[in-house]
């Protein structure tokens, strides 16, 4: 499969490509779209457009998060994929490693239902706000507990798509993600060289055929 390597942010890997879309593996440390300033122009969308000039953004991952991202090829495919996201026809799954013991009986999915709002004095941070926050729902289940490190690997499925949702929700229930420099205590942030959050699975209706397609990309941690 084609791939492209650039300095900084690691390698962008093309997982799948056809005339309607391109599915990518974004490395941790790379912006999804350009930021403000000349030092923030290197990003996933720019790198992919270097390979496929018609590639258009549909959704994003945080800079520190790795994993699967789909980009549309052409405006019509972008509209179709945007509609699929708006209708919640896109299914995303993440894997993370969190601080402490977080268990679920027999792998049963649990729900975090806590409203999130921008913390305006401390942007871009988000906080839980039961009065003014937007509804935010995450499904989660534990995968493996590491007794020696006192950490737990978990699977996560965001039902809503708020910025920083998974990071805020896990911090709110007392189990911040390792390597999270924004929401974890310094001791937990220092437990990993990067944010241990990875978009491991992505499924959605194909923008041309409408048939459900699914992709998986295991984490590297």
N, C-alpha and C. Protein backbone atom coordinates (compact mmCIF):
# COMPACT_ATOMS: atom_id res chain seq x y z
N UNK A 1 0.84 -1.19 0.00
CA UNK A 1 0.00 0.00 0.00
C UNK A 1 0.88 1.25 0.00
N UNK A 2 0.43 2.33 -0.59
CA UNK A 2 1.26 3.52 -0.62
C UNK A 2 1.42 4.13 0.75
N UNK A 3 2.55 4.78 0.97
CA UNK A 3 2.80 5.48 2.23
C UNK A 3 3.68 6.68 1.93
N UNK A 4 3.65 7.65 2.83
CA UNK A 4 4.49 8.81 2.64
C UNK A 4 5.10 9.16 3.98
N UNK A 5 6.37 9.49 3.99
CA UNK A 5 7.09 9.78 5.22
C UNK A 5 7.62 11.20 5.17
N UNK A 6 7.43 11.94 6.26
CA UNK A 6 7.87 13.32 6.37
C UNK A 6 8.57 13.48 7.71
N UNK A 7 9.45 14.49 7.85
CA UNK A 7 10.05 14.74 9.15
C UNK A 7 9.00 15.28 10.12
N UNK A 8 9.02 14.84 11.37
CA UNK A 8 8.09 15.34 12.37
C UNK A 8 6.74 14.67 12.26
N UNK A 9 6.22 14.20 13.40
CA UNK A 9 4.89 13.61 13.38
C UNK A 9 4.83 12.18 12.91
N UNK A 10 5.95 11.62 12.46
CA UNK A 10 5.94 10.22 12.06
C UNK A 10 5.38 10.02 10.66
N UNK A 11 5.13 8.77 10.34
CA UNK A 11 4.71 8.37 9.00
C UNK A 11 3.19 8.33 8.88
N UNK A 12 2.68 8.89 7.80
CA UNK A 12 1.27 8.74 7.45
C UNK A 12 1.14 7.52 6.56
N UNK A 13 0.29 6.58 6.96
CA UNK A 13 0.11 5.36 6.18
C UNK A 13 -1.27 5.35 5.52
N UNK A 14 -1.30 5.03 4.26
CA UNK A 14 -2.56 4.88 3.54
C UNK A 14 -3.04 3.44 3.76
N UNK A 15 -4.18 3.31 4.43
CA UNK A 15 -4.75 2.00 4.74
C UNK A 15 -5.58 1.49 3.57
N UNK A 16 -6.31 2.42 2.92
CA UNK A 16 -7.18 2.05 1.80
C UNK A 16 -7.43 3.29 0.97
N UNK A 17 -7.53 3.12 -0.34
CA UNK A 17 -7.86 4.25 -1.21
C UNK A 17 -8.67 3.74 -2.40
N UNK A 18 -9.67 4.54 -2.80
CA UNK A 18 -10.42 4.29 -4.03
C UNK A 18 -10.84 5.65 -4.57
N UNK A 19 -11.58 5.74 -5.66
CA UNK A 19 -11.92 7.04 -6.24
C UNK A 19 -12.78 7.93 -5.35
N UNK A 20 -13.40 7.37 -4.30
CA UNK A 20 -14.31 8.16 -3.46
C UNK A 20 -13.73 8.57 -2.12
N UNK A 21 -12.68 7.87 -1.66
CA UNK A 21 -12.20 8.14 -0.30
C UNK A 21 -10.80 7.58 -0.11
N UNK A 22 -10.18 8.02 0.97
CA UNK A 22 -8.89 7.48 1.38
C UNK A 22 -8.91 7.34 2.90
N UNK A 23 -8.55 6.15 3.38
CA UNK A 23 -8.51 5.87 4.82
C UNK A 23 -7.05 5.84 5.24
N UNK A 24 -6.75 6.53 6.33
CA UNK A 24 -5.36 6.76 6.72
C UNK A 24 -5.11 6.39 8.17
N UNK A 25 -3.84 6.11 8.43
CA UNK A 25 -3.38 5.97 9.81
C UNK A 25 -2.59 7.23 10.14
N UNK A 26 -3.13 8.05 11.05
CA UNK A 26 -2.45 9.27 11.47
C UNK A 26 -1.56 8.97 12.67
N UNK A 27 -0.30 9.37 12.63
CA UNK A 27 0.56 9.16 13.79
C UNK A 27 0.27 10.17 14.89
N UNK A 28 0.60 9.81 16.10
CA UNK A 28 0.54 10.77 17.21
C UNK A 28 1.54 11.89 16.96
N UNK A 29 1.14 13.12 17.33
CA UNK A 29 2.04 14.25 17.17
C UNK A 29 1.86 15.03 15.89
N UNK A 30 0.89 14.63 15.07
CA UNK A 30 0.63 15.32 13.80
C UNK A 30 -0.76 15.94 13.85
N UNK A 31 -0.87 17.22 13.51
CA UNK A 31 -2.17 17.86 13.41
C UNK A 31 -3.00 17.21 12.31
N UNK A 32 -4.33 17.21 12.48
CA UNK A 32 -5.21 16.72 11.43
C UNK A 32 -5.38 17.75 10.32
N UNK A 33 -5.48 19.02 10.70
CA UNK A 33 -5.65 20.13 9.75
C UNK A 33 -4.69 21.24 10.15
N UNK A 34 -4.43 22.21 9.26
CA UNK A 34 -3.49 23.27 9.61
C UNK A 34 -3.96 24.08 10.82
N UNK A 35 -2.99 24.53 11.60
CA UNK A 35 -3.28 25.42 12.72
C UNK A 35 -2.89 26.84 12.35
N UNK A 36 -2.90 27.71 13.35
CA UNK A 36 -2.53 29.10 13.12
C UNK A 36 -1.01 29.25 13.20
N UNK A 37 -0.46 29.93 12.23
CA UNK A 37 0.97 30.18 12.23
C UNK A 37 1.71 29.28 11.27
N UNK A 38 2.84 29.76 10.75
CA UNK A 38 3.60 28.99 9.76
C UNK A 38 4.17 27.69 10.29
N UNK A 39 4.33 27.59 11.61
CA UNK A 39 4.89 26.37 12.20
C UNK A 39 3.84 25.27 12.37
N UNK A 40 2.58 25.56 12.02
CA UNK A 40 1.50 24.58 12.19
C UNK A 40 0.83 24.23 10.86
N UNK A 41 1.57 24.35 9.78
CA UNK A 41 1.00 24.04 8.47
C UNK A 41 1.21 22.58 8.07
N UNK A 42 2.20 21.93 8.66
CA UNK A 42 2.39 20.50 8.40
C UNK A 42 1.30 19.73 9.12
N UNK A 43 0.51 18.97 8.39
CA UNK A 43 -0.64 18.29 9.00
C UNK A 43 -1.05 17.12 8.10
N UNK A 44 -1.96 16.32 8.63
CA UNK A 44 -2.43 15.16 7.88
C UNK A 44 -3.06 15.56 6.55
N UNK A 45 -3.96 16.54 6.57
CA UNK A 45 -4.67 16.90 5.34
C UNK A 45 -3.70 17.38 4.26
N UNK A 46 -2.70 18.18 4.65
CA UNK A 46 -1.73 18.68 3.67
C UNK A 46 -0.90 17.55 3.09
N UNK A 47 -0.49 16.61 3.92
CA UNK A 47 0.31 15.49 3.44
C UNK A 47 -0.49 14.60 2.48
N UNK A 48 -1.76 14.38 2.83
CA UNK A 48 -2.58 13.53 1.97
C UNK A 48 -2.89 14.22 0.65
N UNK A 49 -3.12 15.53 0.69
CA UNK A 49 -3.37 16.27 -0.54
C UNK A 49 -2.14 16.33 -1.44
N UNK A 50 -0.97 16.10 -0.87
CA UNK A 50 0.24 15.97 -1.66
C UNK A 50 0.18 14.71 -2.51
N UNK A 51 -0.51 13.68 -2.00
CA UNK A 51 -0.66 12.42 -2.72
C UNK A 51 -1.92 12.38 -3.57
N UNK A 52 -3.02 12.93 -3.03
CA UNK A 52 -4.33 12.92 -3.69
C UNK A 52 -4.89 14.34 -3.61
N UNK A 53 -4.79 15.07 -4.70
CA UNK A 53 -5.12 16.49 -4.69
C UNK A 53 -6.58 16.76 -4.37
N UNK A 54 -7.46 15.77 -4.61
CA UNK A 54 -8.89 15.97 -4.38
C UNK A 54 -9.34 15.56 -2.98
N UNK A 55 -8.40 15.21 -2.10
CA UNK A 55 -8.76 14.74 -0.75
C UNK A 55 -9.28 15.90 0.10
N UNK A 56 -10.41 15.67 0.77
CA UNK A 56 -11.06 16.71 1.57
C UNK A 56 -11.33 16.18 2.98
N UNK A 57 -11.26 17.08 3.96
CA UNK A 57 -11.41 16.72 5.37
C UNK A 57 -12.87 16.40 5.68
N UNK A 58 -13.07 15.34 6.46
CA UNK A 58 -14.41 14.97 6.93
C UNK A 58 -14.48 15.02 8.46
N UNK A 59 -13.44 14.52 9.13
CA UNK A 59 -13.39 14.56 10.60
C UNK A 59 -11.93 14.65 11.01
N UNK A 60 -11.70 14.77 12.31
CA UNK A 60 -10.34 14.99 12.81
C UNK A 60 -10.07 14.11 14.02
N UNK A 61 -8.78 13.93 14.29
CA UNK A 61 -8.30 13.40 15.55
C UNK A 61 -7.45 14.46 16.22
N UNK A 62 -7.44 14.48 17.55
CA UNK A 62 -6.53 15.37 18.26
C UNK A 62 -5.10 15.12 17.79
N UNK A 63 -4.29 16.14 17.87
CA UNK A 63 -2.89 16.03 17.46
C UNK A 63 -2.19 14.86 18.17
N UNK A 64 -2.47 14.68 19.46
CA UNK A 64 -1.77 13.66 20.24
C UNK A 64 -2.32 12.25 20.03
N UNK A 65 -3.49 12.14 19.40
CA UNK A 65 -4.14 10.85 19.18
C UNK A 65 -3.70 10.24 17.85
N UNK A 66 -3.46 8.96 17.83
CA UNK A 66 -3.13 8.25 16.59
C UNK A 66 -4.33 7.45 16.12
N UNK A 67 -4.24 6.97 14.87
CA UNK A 67 -5.25 6.04 14.40
C UNK A 67 -5.95 6.42 13.12
N UNK A 68 -7.12 5.81 12.92
CA UNK A 68 -7.81 5.84 11.63
C UNK A 68 -8.58 7.14 11.39
N UNK A 69 -8.40 7.66 10.19
CA UNK A 69 -9.11 8.85 9.72
C UNK A 69 -9.52 8.59 8.27
N UNK A 70 -10.74 9.01 7.90
CA UNK A 70 -11.17 8.92 6.51
C UNK A 70 -11.24 10.33 5.93
N UNK A 71 -10.76 10.48 4.70
CA UNK A 71 -10.91 11.72 3.96
C UNK A 71 -11.69 11.41 2.68
N UNK A 72 -12.55 12.33 2.27
CA UNK A 72 -13.32 12.17 1.04
C UNK A 72 -12.47 12.58 -0.15
N UNK A 73 -12.80 12.01 -1.30
CA UNK A 73 -12.16 12.46 -2.54
C UNK A 73 -13.24 13.13 -3.40
N UNK A 74 -13.23 14.45 -3.36
CA UNK A 74 -14.21 15.23 -4.09
C UNK A 74 -15.34 15.72 -3.20
N UNK A 75 -16.01 16.80 -3.64
CA UNK A 75 -17.04 17.45 -2.83
C UNK A 75 -18.26 16.58 -2.60
N UNK A 76 -18.65 15.79 -3.62
CA UNK A 76 -19.84 14.95 -3.46
C UNK A 76 -19.62 13.89 -2.38
N UNK A 77 -18.46 13.25 -2.41
CA UNK A 77 -18.16 12.25 -1.38
C UNK A 77 -18.04 12.90 -0.01
N UNK A 78 -17.51 14.11 0.04
CA UNK A 78 -17.41 14.82 1.33
C UNK A 78 -18.80 15.09 1.91
N UNK A 79 -19.74 15.54 1.07
CA UNK A 79 -21.11 15.78 1.55
C UNK A 79 -21.74 14.50 2.08
N UNK A 80 -21.54 13.40 1.36
CA UNK A 80 -22.13 12.13 1.77
C UNK A 80 -21.56 11.66 3.11
N UNK A 81 -20.25 11.76 3.26
CA UNK A 81 -19.62 11.35 4.52
C UNK A 81 -20.00 12.28 5.66
N UNK A 82 -20.07 13.58 5.38
CA UNK A 82 -20.51 14.52 6.42
C UNK A 82 -21.91 14.17 6.90
N UNK A 83 -22.79 13.82 5.96
CA UNK A 83 -24.16 13.43 6.33
C UNK A 83 -24.16 12.17 7.18
N UNK A 84 -23.27 11.23 6.86
CA UNK A 84 -23.19 9.99 7.64
C UNK A 84 -22.74 10.28 9.07
N UNK A 85 -21.77 11.18 9.23
CA UNK A 85 -21.33 11.55 10.58
C UNK A 85 -22.47 12.24 11.33
N UNK A 86 -23.17 13.16 10.66
CA UNK A 86 -24.26 13.90 11.30
C UNK A 86 -25.38 12.97 11.73
N UNK A 87 -25.62 11.92 10.95
CA UNK A 87 -26.69 10.96 11.26
C UNK A 87 -26.22 9.86 12.21
N UNK A 88 -24.99 9.95 12.67
CA UNK A 88 -24.40 8.96 13.57
C UNK A 88 -24.40 7.56 12.98
N UNK A 89 -24.10 7.51 11.68
CA UNK A 89 -23.97 6.23 10.99
C UNK A 89 -22.52 5.75 10.98
N UNK A 90 -21.62 6.57 11.52
CA UNK A 90 -20.20 6.23 11.58
C UNK A 90 -19.89 5.66 12.96
N UNK A 91 -19.27 4.50 12.99
CA UNK A 91 -18.95 3.84 14.26
C UNK A 91 -17.44 3.88 14.47
N UNK A 92 -17.04 4.42 15.61
CA UNK A 92 -15.62 4.57 15.93
C UNK A 92 -15.31 3.83 17.23
N UNK A 93 -14.16 3.21 17.25
CA UNK A 93 -13.70 2.57 18.47
C UNK A 93 -12.24 2.96 18.71
N UNK A 94 -11.94 3.21 19.97
CA UNK A 94 -10.60 3.60 20.38
C UNK A 94 -10.09 2.62 21.42
N UNK A 95 -8.78 2.60 21.57
CA UNK A 95 -8.15 1.89 22.68
C UNK A 95 -7.30 2.91 23.43
N UNK A 96 -7.28 2.78 24.75
CA UNK A 96 -6.50 3.70 25.59
C UNK A 96 -5.93 2.92 26.77
N UNK A 97 -4.90 3.48 27.36
CA UNK A 97 -4.36 2.95 28.61
C UNK A 97 -4.53 4.02 29.66
N UNK A 98 -5.22 3.67 30.75
CA UNK A 98 -5.54 4.66 31.78
C UNK A 98 -4.88 4.29 33.10
N UNK A 99 -4.81 5.29 33.95
CA UNK A 99 -4.21 5.09 35.27
C UNK A 99 -5.19 4.38 36.19
N UNK A 100 -4.69 3.41 36.95
CA UNK A 100 -5.50 2.75 37.95
C UNK A 100 -6.23 1.53 37.43
N UNK A 101 -6.94 0.90 38.32
CA UNK A 101 -7.70 -0.31 37.99
C UNK A 101 -9.13 0.08 37.62
N UNK A 102 -9.52 -0.27 36.41
CA UNK A 102 -10.85 0.07 35.90
C UNK A 102 -11.42 -1.20 35.28
N UNK A 103 -12.30 -1.86 35.99
CA UNK A 103 -12.79 -3.16 35.55
C UNK A 103 -14.27 -3.10 35.18
N UNK A 104 -14.65 -3.94 34.24
CA UNK A 104 -16.05 -4.15 33.92
C UNK A 104 -16.32 -5.64 33.99
N UNK A 105 -17.45 -6.05 34.58
CA UNK A 105 -17.73 -7.49 34.69
C UNK A 105 -17.99 -8.13 33.34
N UNK A 106 -17.19 -9.18 33.04
CA UNK A 106 -17.40 -9.98 31.83
C UNK A 106 -17.38 -9.16 30.55
N UNK A 107 -16.61 -8.08 30.54
CA UNK A 107 -16.48 -7.27 29.34
C UNK A 107 -17.74 -6.53 28.94
N UNK A 108 -18.65 -6.32 29.88
CA UNK A 108 -19.90 -5.62 29.58
C UNK A 108 -19.63 -4.13 29.40
N UNK A 109 -20.20 -3.55 28.36
CA UNK A 109 -20.00 -2.13 28.10
C UNK A 109 -20.69 -1.29 29.16
N UNK A 110 -19.98 -0.26 29.62
CA UNK A 110 -20.49 0.72 30.57
C UNK A 110 -20.64 2.07 29.85
N UNK A 111 -21.32 3.01 30.49
CA UNK A 111 -21.59 4.30 29.86
C UNK A 111 -21.15 5.44 30.78
N UNK A 112 -20.45 6.41 30.19
CA UNK A 112 -20.17 7.68 30.85
C UNK A 112 -21.06 8.72 30.17
N UNK A 113 -21.92 9.34 30.94
CA UNK A 113 -22.87 10.33 30.40
C UNK A 113 -22.68 11.63 31.19
N UNK A 114 -21.72 12.44 30.75
CA UNK A 114 -21.38 13.67 31.45
C UNK A 114 -21.26 14.81 30.43
N UNK A 115 -22.00 15.90 30.61
CA UNK A 115 -21.99 17.00 29.64
C UNK A 115 -20.69 17.80 29.67
N UNK A 116 -20.24 18.21 28.50
CA UNK A 116 -18.94 18.87 28.34
C UNK A 116 -19.13 20.27 27.77
N UNK A 117 -18.31 21.20 28.25
CA UNK A 117 -18.31 22.57 27.74
C UNK A 117 -16.88 23.08 27.65
N UNK A 118 -16.65 24.05 26.78
CA UNK A 118 -15.33 24.68 26.69
C UNK A 118 -15.03 25.43 27.99
N UNK A 119 -13.83 25.26 28.50
CA UNK A 119 -13.37 26.01 29.67
C UNK A 119 -12.78 27.32 29.15
N UNK A 120 -13.63 28.33 28.95
CA UNK A 120 -13.23 29.54 28.23
C UNK A 120 -11.98 30.20 28.78
N UNK A 121 -11.81 30.34 30.09
CA UNK A 121 -10.57 30.98 30.58
C UNK A 121 -9.32 30.16 30.30
N UNK A 122 -9.51 28.86 30.00
CA UNK A 122 -8.35 27.97 29.82
C UNK A 122 -8.44 27.22 28.49
N UNK A 123 -8.96 27.88 27.45
CA UNK A 123 -9.04 27.23 26.14
C UNK A 123 -7.66 26.72 25.72
N UNK A 124 -7.56 25.53 25.07
CA UNK A 124 -8.65 24.72 24.49
C UNK A 124 -9.22 23.66 25.42
N UNK A 125 -8.97 23.76 26.73
CA UNK A 125 -9.45 22.73 27.64
C UNK A 125 -10.97 22.69 27.70
N UNK A 126 -11.48 21.50 27.99
CA UNK A 126 -12.91 21.29 28.22
C UNK A 126 -13.12 20.82 29.66
N UNK A 127 -14.35 21.07 30.16
CA UNK A 127 -14.69 20.65 31.52
C UNK A 127 -16.09 20.05 31.52
N UNK A 128 -16.38 19.29 32.57
CA UNK A 128 -17.74 18.80 32.81
C UNK A 128 -18.56 19.93 33.42
N UNK A 129 -19.73 20.19 32.85
CA UNK A 129 -20.62 21.24 33.35
C UNK A 129 -22.05 20.73 33.23
N UNK A 130 -22.64 20.36 34.38
CA UNK A 130 -23.97 19.74 34.36
C UNK A 130 -25.06 20.73 34.00
N UNK A 131 -24.80 22.02 34.14
CA UNK A 131 -25.82 23.02 33.85
C UNK A 131 -25.77 23.50 32.40
N UNK A 132 -24.56 23.75 31.89
CA UNK A 132 -24.43 24.37 30.58
C UNK A 132 -23.77 23.47 29.54
N UNK A 133 -23.24 22.33 29.94
CA UNK A 133 -22.50 21.48 29.01
C UNK A 133 -23.37 20.82 27.96
N UNK A 134 -22.73 20.45 26.83
CA UNK A 134 -23.44 19.73 25.78
C UNK A 134 -23.50 18.24 26.14
N UNK A 135 -24.61 17.58 25.83
CA UNK A 135 -24.70 16.14 26.11
C UNK A 135 -23.52 15.39 25.48
N UNK A 136 -22.89 14.53 26.27
CA UNK A 136 -21.69 13.82 25.82
C UNK A 136 -21.72 12.41 26.40
N UNK A 137 -21.66 11.42 25.52
CA UNK A 137 -21.82 10.03 25.96
C UNK A 137 -20.70 9.17 25.38
N UNK A 138 -20.08 8.38 26.26
CA UNK A 138 -19.02 7.46 25.87
C UNK A 138 -19.32 6.07 26.42
N UNK A 139 -19.20 5.06 25.56
CA UNK A 139 -19.25 3.67 26.02
C UNK A 139 -17.82 3.18 26.25
N UNK A 140 -17.64 2.34 27.29
CA UNK A 140 -16.30 1.84 27.56
C UNK A 140 -16.38 0.45 28.19
N UNK A 141 -15.30 -0.29 28.03
CA UNK A 141 -15.15 -1.56 28.74
C UNK A 141 -13.67 -1.83 28.93
N UNK A 142 -13.34 -2.53 30.00
CA UNK A 142 -11.94 -2.85 30.28
C UNK A 142 -11.50 -4.04 29.45
N UNK A 143 -10.21 -4.04 29.10
CA UNK A 143 -9.62 -5.12 28.31
C UNK A 143 -8.61 -5.89 29.14
N UNK A 144 -7.72 -5.17 29.80
CA UNK A 144 -6.65 -5.85 30.54
C UNK A 144 -6.13 -4.93 31.64
N UNK A 145 -5.95 -5.47 32.84
CA UNK A 145 -5.38 -4.74 33.96
C UNK A 145 -3.94 -5.17 34.17
N UNK A 146 -3.03 -4.21 34.22
CA UNK A 146 -1.62 -4.47 34.46
C UNK A 146 -1.34 -4.22 35.94
N UNK A 147 -1.24 -5.29 36.70
CA UNK A 147 -1.07 -5.16 38.15
C UNK A 147 0.24 -4.48 38.51
N UNK A 148 1.30 -4.76 37.76
CA UNK A 148 2.61 -4.19 38.08
C UNK A 148 2.61 -2.67 37.90
N UNK A 149 2.04 -2.20 36.79
CA UNK A 149 2.03 -0.77 36.50
C UNK A 149 0.82 -0.05 37.08
N UNK A 150 -0.19 -0.84 37.50
CA UNK A 150 -1.44 -0.26 37.99
C UNK A 150 -2.09 0.60 36.90
N UNK A 151 -2.20 0.01 35.71
CA UNK A 151 -2.86 0.66 34.58
C UNK A 151 -3.85 -0.31 33.95
N UNK A 152 -4.81 0.21 33.22
CA UNK A 152 -5.82 -0.61 32.57
C UNK A 152 -5.95 -0.22 31.11
N UNK A 153 -5.93 -1.22 30.24
CA UNK A 153 -6.24 -0.98 28.83
C UNK A 153 -7.76 -1.05 28.66
N UNK A 154 -8.32 -0.06 27.99
CA UNK A 154 -9.77 -0.01 27.81
C UNK A 154 -10.12 0.22 26.34
N UNK A 155 -11.30 -0.24 25.96
CA UNK A 155 -11.89 0.11 24.67
C UNK A 155 -12.94 1.18 24.88
N UNK A 156 -13.02 2.11 23.92
CA UNK A 156 -13.91 3.26 24.04
C UNK A 156 -14.71 3.46 22.76
N UNK A 157 -15.97 3.78 22.91
CA UNK A 157 -16.80 4.12 21.76
C UNK A 157 -17.53 5.43 22.04
N UNK A 158 -17.11 6.53 21.40
CA UNK A 158 -17.82 7.80 21.60
C UNK A 158 -19.16 7.79 20.86
N UNK A 159 -20.24 8.00 21.57
CA UNK A 159 -21.56 8.09 20.95
C UNK A 159 -21.76 9.50 20.39
N UNK A 160 -21.31 10.48 21.14
CA UNK A 160 -21.26 11.85 20.65
C UNK A 160 -19.82 12.16 20.28
N UNK A 161 -19.59 13.30 19.67
CA UNK A 161 -18.25 13.61 19.15
C UNK A 161 -17.71 14.95 19.63
N UNK A 162 -17.74 15.19 20.94
CA UNK A 162 -17.22 16.45 21.47
C UNK A 162 -15.69 16.47 21.44
N UNK A 163 -15.14 17.64 21.29
CA UNK A 163 -13.68 17.78 21.34
C UNK A 163 -13.17 17.29 22.69
N UNK A 164 -12.12 16.50 22.65
CA UNK A 164 -11.46 15.97 23.86
C UNK A 164 -12.37 15.08 24.69
N UNK A 165 -13.48 14.61 24.11
CA UNK A 165 -14.48 13.90 24.90
C UNK A 165 -13.92 12.72 25.69
N UNK A 166 -13.16 11.85 25.04
CA UNK A 166 -12.67 10.66 25.71
C UNK A 166 -11.70 11.03 26.83
N UNK A 167 -10.86 12.00 26.58
CA UNK A 167 -9.88 12.43 27.57
C UNK A 167 -10.57 13.05 28.79
N UNK A 168 -11.56 13.89 28.53
CA UNK A 168 -12.29 14.55 29.62
C UNK A 168 -13.10 13.53 30.42
N UNK A 169 -13.79 12.62 29.74
CA UNK A 169 -14.62 11.65 30.44
C UNK A 169 -13.78 10.72 31.32
N UNK A 170 -12.66 10.26 30.83
CA UNK A 170 -11.84 9.36 31.64
C UNK A 170 -11.22 10.09 32.82
N UNK A 171 -10.82 11.32 32.60
CA UNK A 171 -10.30 12.12 33.72
C UNK A 171 -11.40 12.34 34.76
N UNK A 172 -12.62 12.56 34.29
CA UNK A 172 -13.72 12.86 35.20
C UNK A 172 -14.09 11.69 36.09
N UNK A 173 -13.88 10.45 35.62
CA UNK A 173 -14.19 9.29 36.46
C UNK A 173 -12.97 8.81 37.23
N UNK A 174 -11.91 9.61 37.21
CA UNK A 174 -10.75 9.32 38.04
C UNK A 174 -9.72 8.41 37.43
N UNK A 175 -9.76 8.23 36.09
CA UNK A 175 -8.80 7.35 35.41
C UNK A 175 -8.25 8.04 34.16
N UNK A 176 -7.43 9.07 34.33
CA UNK A 176 -6.89 9.78 33.16
C UNK A 176 -6.01 8.89 32.30
N UNK A 177 -5.90 9.27 31.03
CA UNK A 177 -5.11 8.50 30.08
C UNK A 177 -3.63 8.79 30.29
N UNK A 178 -2.82 7.76 30.22
CA UNK A 178 -1.37 7.94 30.35
C UNK A 178 -0.86 8.83 29.22
N UNK A 179 0.09 9.72 29.56
CA UNK A 179 0.69 10.61 28.57
C UNK A 179 -0.17 11.80 28.21
N UNK A 180 -1.28 12.02 28.92
CA UNK A 180 -2.18 13.14 28.60
C UNK A 180 -1.70 14.41 29.29
N UNK A 181 -1.03 15.26 28.54
CA UNK A 181 -0.45 16.47 29.11
C UNK A 181 -1.50 17.54 29.40
N UNK A 182 -2.71 17.38 28.87
CA UNK A 182 -3.76 18.37 29.09
C UNK A 182 -4.63 18.06 30.31
N UNK A 183 -4.96 16.79 30.53
CA UNK A 183 -5.95 16.46 31.54
C UNK A 183 -5.45 15.57 32.67
N UNK A 184 -4.32 14.94 32.51
CA UNK A 184 -3.81 14.05 33.55
C UNK A 184 -2.88 14.80 34.50
N UNK A 185 -2.82 14.37 35.76
CA UNK A 185 -1.79 14.91 36.66
C UNK A 185 -0.40 14.68 36.07
N UNK A 186 0.56 15.49 36.48
CA UNK A 186 1.91 15.41 35.91
C UNK A 186 2.50 14.00 36.04
N UNK A 187 2.22 13.33 37.15
CA UNK A 187 2.79 12.00 37.34
C UNK A 187 2.23 11.00 36.32
N UNK A 188 0.96 11.14 35.99
CA UNK A 188 0.33 10.25 35.01
C UNK A 188 0.76 10.63 33.59
N UNK A 189 0.84 11.92 33.32
CA UNK A 189 1.30 12.37 32.00
C UNK A 189 2.71 11.86 31.72
N UNK A 190 3.52 11.74 32.77
CA UNK A 190 4.92 11.30 32.60
C UNK A 190 5.06 9.79 32.46
N UNK A 191 3.97 9.05 32.59
CA UNK A 191 4.05 7.59 32.52
C UNK A 191 4.16 7.05 31.10
N UNK A 192 4.04 7.92 30.10
CA UNK A 192 4.16 7.48 28.70
C UNK A 192 4.74 8.62 27.88
N UNK A 193 5.48 8.31 26.82
CA UNK A 193 6.09 9.37 26.00
C UNK A 193 5.10 10.06 25.07
N UNK A 194 3.87 9.55 24.99
CA UNK A 194 2.83 10.13 24.14
C UNK A 194 1.49 9.82 24.79
N UNK A 195 0.43 10.45 24.29
CA UNK A 195 -0.92 10.13 24.73
C UNK A 195 -1.27 8.72 24.28
N UNK A 196 -1.63 7.86 25.22
CA UNK A 196 -1.95 6.47 24.87
C UNK A 196 -3.43 6.35 24.53
N UNK A 197 -3.78 6.97 23.41
CA UNK A 197 -5.14 6.94 22.87
C UNK A 197 -5.03 6.74 21.37
N UNK A 198 -5.74 5.73 20.86
CA UNK A 198 -5.59 5.33 19.46
C UNK A 198 -6.95 4.95 18.87
N UNK A 199 -7.27 5.53 17.71
CA UNK A 199 -8.50 5.19 16.99
C UNK A 199 -8.27 3.89 16.23
N UNK A 200 -8.79 2.79 16.78
CA UNK A 200 -8.43 1.47 16.30
C UNK A 200 -9.40 0.87 15.28
N UNK A 201 -10.63 1.38 15.22
CA UNK A 201 -11.63 0.83 14.29
C UNK A 201 -12.55 1.93 13.80
N UNK A 202 -12.94 1.82 12.52
CA UNK A 202 -13.78 2.83 11.89
C UNK A 202 -14.69 2.13 10.89
N UNK A 203 -16.00 2.35 10.99
CA UNK A 203 -16.95 1.75 10.06
C UNK A 203 -17.98 2.79 9.64
N UNK A 204 -18.37 2.78 8.36
CA UNK A 204 -19.28 3.80 7.85
C UNK A 204 -19.81 3.35 6.49
N UNK A 205 -20.92 3.95 6.02
CA UNK A 205 -21.40 3.63 4.68
C UNK A 205 -20.46 4.20 3.62
N UNK A 206 -20.09 3.38 2.66
CA UNK A 206 -19.21 3.85 1.59
C UNK A 206 -19.89 5.01 0.87
N UNK A 207 -19.16 6.11 0.61
CA UNK A 207 -19.80 7.30 0.02
C UNK A 207 -20.35 7.10 -1.39
N UNK A 208 -19.90 6.07 -2.08
CA UNK A 208 -20.43 5.81 -3.42
C UNK A 208 -21.49 4.72 -3.42
N UNK A 209 -21.19 3.58 -2.81
CA UNK A 209 -22.09 2.43 -2.87
C UNK A 209 -23.12 2.42 -1.75
N UNK A 210 -22.81 3.08 -0.63
CA UNK A 210 -23.68 3.02 0.53
C UNK A 210 -23.53 1.77 1.36
N UNK A 211 -22.71 0.83 0.90
CA UNK A 211 -22.48 -0.42 1.63
C UNK A 211 -21.56 -0.13 2.82
N UNK A 212 -21.86 -0.73 3.96
CA UNK A 212 -21.05 -0.52 5.16
C UNK A 212 -19.65 -1.09 4.95
N UNK A 213 -18.64 -0.30 5.24
CA UNK A 213 -17.27 -0.75 5.16
C UNK A 213 -16.62 -0.56 6.53
N UNK A 214 -15.64 -1.38 6.84
CA UNK A 214 -15.02 -1.33 8.17
C UNK A 214 -13.51 -1.50 8.04
N UNK A 215 -12.79 -0.79 8.90
CA UNK A 215 -11.33 -0.82 8.89
C UNK A 215 -10.84 -0.93 10.33
N UNK A 216 -9.73 -1.63 10.49
CA UNK A 216 -9.12 -1.78 11.81
C UNK A 216 -7.64 -1.49 11.73
N UNK A 217 -7.11 -0.94 12.80
CA UNK A 217 -5.68 -0.58 12.86
C UNK A 217 -5.23 -0.73 14.31
N UNK A 218 -4.53 -1.80 14.65
CA UNK A 218 -4.13 -2.03 16.05
C UNK A 218 -3.23 -0.91 16.56
N UNK A 219 -3.30 -0.69 17.86
CA UNK A 219 -2.42 0.33 18.47
C UNK A 219 -0.99 -0.20 18.53
N UNK A 220 -0.06 0.71 18.68
CA UNK A 220 1.35 0.35 18.78
C UNK A 220 1.85 0.48 20.22
N UNK A 221 0.93 0.54 21.16
CA UNK A 221 1.34 0.59 22.58
C UNK A 221 0.63 -0.50 23.38
